[in-house]
Amino acid sequence: MTKKTDNLIDTYYRIAPERFHYVKFVLEGYDNLTVLSSISGKKGIIRLKCVREALPELINLLADLAPDIKKHSL
């Protein structure tokens, strides 16, 4: 079986590390919107993989979540 991956986009974000499970919980409520991966748990770097067509919805959702998940210090 061949998978078509030309339409998938990886985006990377830095969040407050302690908010990872919150982000995971929220994203699980949006079936098939994105796949969440932790790149660096200590630094709060995550990767979100989604299809190109879902990117605007994902960005809008993250913008709404930003006050609750943003990292306050570098």
C-alpha atoms as a PDB file:
ATOM      1  CA  MET A   1       0.000   0.000   0.000  1.00  0.00           C
ATOM      2  CA  THR A   2       1.333   3.416  -0.945  1.00  0.00           C
ATOM      3  CA  LYS A   3       0.705   6.419   1.234  1.00  0.00           C
ATOM      4  CA  LYS A   4       0.323   9.828  -0.315  1.00  0.00           C
ATOM      5  CA  THR A   5       2.145  12.290   1.935  1.00  0.00           C
ATOM      6  CA  ASP A   6       2.529  15.243  -0.437  1.00  0.00           C
ATOM      7  CA  ASN A   7      -0.391  16.933   1.255  1.00  0.00           C
ATOM      8  CA  LEU A   8       0.930  16.691   4.831  1.00  0.00           C
ATOM      9  CA  ILE A   9       2.466  19.657   6.590  1.00  0.00           C
ATOM     10  CA  ASP A  10       4.657  19.633   9.696  1.00  0.00           C
ATOM     11  CA  THR A  11       4.449  22.703  11.909  1.00  0.00           C
ATOM     12  CA  TYR A  12       6.478  23.292  15.070  1.00  0.00           C
ATOM     13  CA  TYR A  13       5.520  25.252  18.170  1.00  0.00           C
ATOM     14  CA  ARG A  14       6.935  26.063  21.576  1.00  0.00           C
ATOM     15  CA  ILE A  15       4.469  25.792  24.423  1.00  0.00           C
ATOM     16  CA  ALA A  16       4.735  25.771  28.188  1.00  0.00           C
ATOM     17  CA  PRO A  17       6.032  22.230  28.856  1.00  0.00           C
ATOM     18  CA  GLU A  18       3.496  21.649  31.623  1.00  0.00           C
ATOM     19  CA  ARG A  19       0.651  22.336  29.156  1.00  0.00           C
ATOM     20  CA  PHE A  20       1.479  19.434  26.787  1.00  0.00           C
ATOM     21  CA  HIS A  21      -1.250  17.155  28.133  1.00  0.00           C
ATOM     22  CA  TYR A  22      -3.790  19.970  27.962  1.00  0.00           C
ATOM     23  CA  VAL A  23      -2.961  20.550  24.282  1.00  0.00           C
ATOM     24  CA  LYS A  24      -3.149  16.813  23.639  1.00  0.00           C
ATOM     25  CA  PHE A  25      -6.552  16.610  25.353  1.00  0.00           C
ATOM     26  CA  VAL A  26      -7.974  19.501  23.315  1.00  0.00           C
ATOM     27  CA  LEU A  27      -6.609  18.226  19.984  1.00  0.00           C
ATOM     28  CA  GLU A  28      -8.025  14.745  20.609  1.00  0.00           C
ATOM     29  CA  GLY A  29     -11.466  16.348  20.565  1.00  0.00           C
ATOM     30  CA  TYR A  30     -10.922  17.320  16.928  1.00  0.00           C
ATOM     31  CA  ASP A  31     -10.875  13.947  15.184  1.00  0.00           C
ATOM     32  CA  ASN A  32      -8.304  13.713  12.410  1.00  0.00           C
ATOM     33  CA  LEU A  33      -7.328  17.383  12.588  1.00  0.00           C
ATOM     34  CA  THR A  34      -3.696  16.819  13.466  1.00  0.00           C
ATOM     35  CA  VAL A  35      -1.136  14.442  14.906  1.00  0.00           C
ATOM     36  CA  LEU A  36       0.737  15.752  17.938  1.00  0.00           C
ATOM     37  CA  SER A  37       4.342  14.764  18.672  1.00  0.00           C
ATOM     38  CA  SER A  38       6.644  15.944  21.433  1.00  0.00           C
ATOM     39  CA  ILE A  39      10.037  16.985  20.070  1.00  0.00           C
ATOM     40  CA  SER A  40      11.487  18.253  23.363  1.00  0.00           C
ATOM     41  CA  GLY A  41       9.445  17.786  26.497  1.00  0.00           C
ATOM     42  CA  LYS A  42      11.744  19.943  28.630  1.00  0.00           C
ATOM     43  CA  LYS A  43      11.686  22.842  26.174  1.00  0.00           C
ATOM     44  CA  GLY A  44       8.026  22.444  25.247  1.00  0.00           C
ATOM     45  CA  ILE A  45       8.656  21.979  21.525  1.00  0.00           C
ATOM     46  CA  ILE A  46       5.901  20.107  19.716  1.00  0.00           C
ATOM     47  CA  ARG A  47       5.241  19.094  16.122  1.00  0.00           C
ATOM     48  CA  LEU A  48       1.762  19.123  14.648  1.00  0.00           C
ATOM     49  CA  LYS A  49       1.246  17.255  11.388  1.00  0.00           C
ATOM     50  CA  CYS A  50      -1.905  17.942   9.387  1.00  0.00           C
ATOM     51  CA  VAL A  51      -3.232  17.921   5.859  1.00  0.00           C
ATOM     52  CA  ARG A  52      -2.831  21.190   3.984  1.00  0.00           C
ATOM     53  CA  GLU A  53      -6.585  21.827   3.913  1.00  0.00           C
ATOM     54  CA  ALA A  54      -6.816  21.627   7.733  1.00  0.00           C
ATOM     55  CA  LEU A  55      -4.008  24.094   8.412  1.00  0.00           C
ATOM     56  CA  PRO A  56      -6.225  27.222   8.680  1.00  0.00           C
ATOM     57  CA  GLU A  57      -8.499  25.459  11.187  1.00  0.00           C
ATOM     58  CA  LEU A  58      -5.493  24.264  13.186  1.00  0.00           C
ATOM     59  CA  ILE A  59      -3.944  27.728  13.299  1.00  0.00           C
ATOM     60  CA  ASN A  60      -7.236  29.281  14.413  1.00  0.00           C
ATOM     61  CA  LEU A  61      -7.564  26.698  17.173  1.00  0.00           C
ATOM     62  CA  LEU A  62      -4.004  27.315  18.359  1.00  0.00           C
ATOM     63  CA  ALA A  63      -4.589  31.064  18.341  1.00  0.00           C
ATOM     64  CA  ASP A  64      -7.580  30.510  20.634  1.00  0.00           C
ATOM     65  CA  LEU A  65      -5.499  28.286  22.924  1.00  0.00           C
ATOM     66  CA  ALA A  66      -2.440  30.562  22.941  1.00  0.00           C
ATOM     67  CA  PRO A  67      -3.189  32.408  26.197  1.00  0.00           C
ATOM     68  CA  ASP A  68      -3.434  29.059  28.016  1.00  0.00           C
ATOM     69  CA  ILE A  69      -0.429  27.305  26.478  1.00  0.00           C
ATOM     70  CA  LYS A  70       2.197  29.902  25.662  1.00  0.00           C
ATOM     71  CA  LYS A  71       5.604  29.716  27.191  1.00  0.00           C
ATOM     72  CA  HIS A  72       6.139  32.802  29.314  1.00  0.00           C
ATOM     73  CA  SER A  73       9.932  32.722  29.418  1.00  0.00           C
ATOM     74  CA  LEU A  74      12.603  31.430  27.071  1.00  0.00           C
END
